[in-house]
Amino acid sequence: MTPEFSRNHFELLGLPVSYTVDAAALDDAYRELQGRVHPDRFASASEAERRVAMQWATRANEAYRTLRNPIDRARYLLGLKGFDTGEESNTSMPPDFLMQQMEWRETVEDGRARHDAGALEGLRREIETSRAEMHSLLARALGGDRNYDAGCSLVRKLRFLDKIESEIDDVLDAIHDGAAAAHPVRSAKGSA
């Protein structure tokens, strides 16, 4: 068993290099590879063989985690094509998306100020709709269109959606925690 670390994640798992990945095929390929390289299978092998098995298992885990997450998979695929998403350095966005960001952030702040869980849940649904649309566009950009610049822009947008969704979760948690503190549940024995 000699690792071929030059293989990309798709090849390692025997999958086509594509943004669109069959989740069941990914799971099956990962389980099959892990079954062959898991370090437990090499417990009585030489130190060198155990080290190689550990490298293979680590590489299989990394490949699986990357390809399982759509944004990570897109970023990885773009990297294979020679494109950097520039998430840390490129903050430019189309004006319409910037306006949408501002509206969403205002909704989050308004929901926070009013303790309005309903408005925040509505915003979450709106963001999920936008996320689904962006994933469709990303599949087309990285697939037949081969528009990798658009793919990079979409990954940056999706990362923003992740961040604002995390903010919504934080605000909702604070609202729910505050509601629970304001209305503690009475004990089973009741109170006098």
Protein backbone atom coordinates (compact mmCIF):
# COMPACT_ATOMS: atom_id res chain seq x y z
CA MET A 1 0.00 0.00 0.00
CA THR A 2 1.87 3.07 -1.24
CA PRO A 3 -0.04 6.34 -0.92
CA GLU A 4 -0.39 8.42 -4.04
CA PHE A 5 -0.61 11.78 -2.38
CA SER A 6 -0.58 13.49 -5.76
CA ARG A 7 -4.14 12.24 -6.30
CA ASN A 8 -6.84 14.82 -5.77
CA HIS A 9 -9.73 14.17 -3.39
CA PHE A 10 -12.07 13.08 -6.18
CA GLU A 11 -9.61 10.57 -7.62
CA LEU A 12 -8.73 9.28 -4.18
CA LEU A 13 -12.38 8.38 -3.62
CA GLY A 14 -12.92 7.21 -7.20
CA LEU A 15 -15.40 9.97 -8.02
CA PRO A 16 -15.64 12.19 -11.08
CA VAL A 17 -14.14 15.66 -10.69
CA SER A 18 -17.37 17.61 -10.46
CA TYR A 19 -19.17 20.03 -8.18
CA THR A 20 -22.20 17.77 -8.33
CA VAL A 21 -21.50 14.77 -6.13
CA ASP A 22 -23.83 11.89 -5.39
CA ALA A 23 -23.91 11.86 -1.55
CA ALA A 24 -24.56 8.12 -1.38
CA ALA A 25 -21.68 7.38 -3.77
CA LEU A 26 -19.41 9.65 -1.71
CA ASP A 27 -20.37 7.84 1.51
CA ASP A 28 -19.87 4.43 -0.10
CA ALA A 29 -16.49 5.38 -1.58
CA TYR A 30 -15.31 6.75 1.77
CA ARG A 31 -16.40 3.64 3.69
CA GLU A 32 -14.73 1.39 1.11
CA LEU A 33 -11.46 3.34 1.25
CA GLN A 34 -11.49 3.53 5.05
CA GLY A 35 -12.10 -0.21 5.15
CA ARG A 36 -8.86 -0.72 3.22
CA VAL A 37 -6.65 1.82 4.98
CA HIS A 38 -7.95 2.12 8.53
CA PRO A 39 -4.99 1.98 10.96
CA ASP A 40 -6.69 -0.77 13.01
CA ARG A 41 -6.16 -3.14 10.08
CA PHE A 42 -2.41 -2.55 10.42
CA ALA A 43 -2.07 -2.90 14.19
CA SER A 44 0.36 -5.82 13.84
CA ALA A 45 2.18 -4.39 10.81
CA SER A 46 5.58 -2.72 10.85
CA GLU A 47 5.97 0.84 12.10
CA ALA A 48 6.40 2.07 8.51
CA GLU A 49 3.22 0.30 7.35
CA ARG A 50 1.26 1.71 10.30
CA ARG A 51 2.53 5.21 9.50
CA VAL A 52 1.50 4.85 5.85
CA ALA A 53 -1.92 3.54 6.90
CA MET A 54 -2.35 6.55 9.18
CA GLN A 55 -1.43 8.89 6.31
CA TRP A 56 -3.96 7.19 4.03
CA ALA A 57 -6.68 7.33 6.68
CA THR A 58 -5.96 11.00 7.36
CA ARG A 59 -6.07 11.78 3.66
CA ALA A 60 -9.34 9.83 3.24
CA ASN A 61 -10.92 11.76 6.14
CA GLU A 62 -9.79 15.08 4.69
CA ALA A 63 -11.11 14.21 1.24
CA TYR A 64 -14.46 13.08 2.62
CA ARG A 65 -14.93 16.17 4.82
CA THR A 66 -14.05 18.48 1.93
CA LEU A 67 -16.26 16.83 -0.66
CA ARG A 68 -19.20 16.40 1.71
CA ASN A 69 -19.55 20.16 2.27
CA PRO A 70 -20.78 21.97 -0.89
CA ILE A 71 -18.87 25.20 -0.22
CA ASP A 72 -15.65 23.38 0.66
CA ARG A 73 -16.10 21.17 -2.40
CA ALA A 74 -16.55 24.22 -4.63
CA ARG A 75 -13.51 25.93 -3.12
CA TYR A 76 -11.45 22.76 -3.60
CA LEU A 77 -12.62 22.28 -7.19
CA LEU A 78 -11.85 25.91 -7.99
CA GLY A 79 -8.38 25.41 -6.50
CA LEU A 80 -7.85 22.41 -8.79
CA LYS A 81 -8.74 24.66 -11.71
CA GLY A 82 -6.22 27.28 -10.54
CA PHE A 83 -8.68 29.74 -9.02
CA ASP A 84 -8.54 31.24 -5.53
CA THR A 85 -11.92 32.26 -4.11
CA GLY A 86 -10.22 35.14 -2.30
CA GLU A 87 -12.60 34.95 0.62
CA GLU A 88 -10.13 36.62 2.96
CA SER A 89 -8.85 39.28 0.58
CA ASN A 90 -11.60 39.90 -2.00
CA THR A 91 -14.61 41.51 -0.39
CA SER A 92 -16.03 42.99 -3.58
CA MET A 93 -19.63 42.03 -4.27
CA PRO A 94 -22.16 43.09 -6.89
CA PRO A 95 -24.18 46.15 -5.78
CA ASP A 96 -27.46 44.23 -5.66
CA PHE A 97 -25.97 41.64 -3.30
CA LEU A 98 -24.49 44.41 -1.12
CA MET A 99 -27.95 45.98 -0.85
CA GLN A 100 -29.42 42.58 0.04
CA GLN A 101 -26.74 42.12 2.73
CA MET A 102 -27.63 45.48 4.25
CA GLU A 103 -31.32 44.60 4.32
CA TRP A 104 -30.64 41.23 5.93
CA ARG A 105 -28.35 42.78 8.56
CA GLU A 106 -31.01 45.41 9.35
CA THR A 107 -33.57 42.63 9.77
CA VAL A 108 -31.24 40.79 12.15
CA GLU A 109 -30.64 43.94 14.20
CA ASP A 110 -34.35 44.77 14.25
CA GLY A 111 -35.15 41.20 15.33
CA ARG A 112 -32.54 41.46 18.06
CA ALA A 113 -33.89 44.79 19.32
CA ARG A 114 -37.52 43.62 19.29
CA HIS A 115 -36.80 40.05 20.42
CA ASP A 116 -38.78 38.99 17.35
CA ALA A 117 -38.04 35.31 16.76
CA GLY A 118 -40.73 35.13 14.06
CA ALA A 119 -39.04 37.78 11.92
CA LEU A 120 -35.69 36.03 12.32
CA GLU A 121 -37.17 32.66 11.37
CA GLY A 122 -38.70 34.31 8.30
CA LEU A 123 -35.30 35.75 7.41
CA ARG A 124 -33.74 32.30 7.82
CA ARG A 125 -36.26 30.89 5.30
CA GLU A 126 -35.46 33.72 2.88
CA ILE A 127 -31.74 33.02 3.22
CA GLU A 128 -32.29 29.29 2.67
CA THR A 129 -34.11 30.12 -0.57
CA SER A 130 -31.19 32.34 -1.65
CA ARG A 131 -28.74 29.59 -0.67
CA ALA A 132 -30.57 27.02 -2.81
CA GLU A 133 -30.54 29.42 -5.78
CA MET A 134 -26.82 30.09 -5.33
CA HIS A 135 -26.02 26.38 -5.14
CA SER A 136 -27.88 25.88 -8.44
CA LEU A 137 -25.93 28.73 -10.01
CA LEU A 138 -22.69 27.33 -8.59
CA ALA A 139 -23.41 23.89 -10.04
CA ARG A 140 -23.97 25.48 -13.45
CA ALA A 141 -20.91 27.78 -13.17
CA LEU A 142 -18.58 24.93 -12.19
CA GLY A 143 -20.24 22.44 -14.51
CA GLY A 144 -21.19 23.11 -18.09
CA ASP A 145 -20.52 26.86 -18.05
CA ARG A 146 -16.97 26.53 -16.70
CA ASN A 147 -17.30 30.08 -15.39
CA TYR A 148 -14.81 29.84 -12.55
CA ASP A 149 -14.80 33.57 -11.79
CA ALA A 150 -18.56 33.37 -11.19
CA GLY A 151 -17.91 30.28 -9.06
CA CYS A 152 -15.47 32.23 -6.89
CA SER A 153 -18.00 35.04 -6.45
CA LEU A 154 -20.74 32.57 -5.51
CA VAL A 155 -18.52 30.89 -2.92
CA ARG A 156 -17.88 34.30 -1.33
CA LYS A 157 -21.64 34.99 -1.30
CA LEU A 158 -22.37 31.61 0.25
CA ARG A 159 -19.78 32.25 2.96
CA PHE A 160 -21.62 35.47 3.77
CA LEU A 161 -24.88 33.51 4.04
CA ASP A 162 -23.18 31.15 6.49
CA LYS A 163 -22.06 34.13 8.59
CA ILE A 164 -25.42 35.85 8.68
CA GLU A 165 -27.16 32.58 9.45
CA SER A 166 -24.78 32.10 12.37
CA GLU A 167 -25.69 35.60 13.58
CA ILE A 168 -29.39 34.73 13.33
CA ASP A 169 -28.77 31.56 15.38
CA ASP A 170 -26.96 33.58 18.04
CA VAL A 171 -29.80 36.10 18.28
CA LEU A 172 -32.44 33.36 18.37
CA ASP A 173 -30.52 31.55 21.11
CA ALA A 174 -30.38 34.77 23.14
CA ILE A 175 -34.11 35.36 22.60
CA HIS A 176 -34.98 31.80 23.62
CA ASP A 177 -32.62 31.92 26.62
CA GLY A 178 -34.17 35.22 27.70
CA ALA A 179 -37.68 33.83 27.31
CA ALA A 180 -36.75 30.75 29.34
CA ALA A 181 -35.27 32.93 32.11
CA ALA A 182 -38.35 35.17 32.13
CA HIS A 183 -40.72 32.19 32.37
CA PRO A 184 -39.02 29.44 34.37
CA VAL A 185 -40.71 26.06 34.33
CA ARG A 186 -42.30 25.20 37.62
CA SER A 187 -41.09 22.11 39.38
CA ALA A 188 -43.16 18.94 39.24
CA LYS A 189 -44.25 19.51 42.86
CA GLY A 190 -45.55 22.98 42.02
CA SER A 191 -45.19 26.04 44.19
CA ALA A 192 -47.21 27.30 47.10
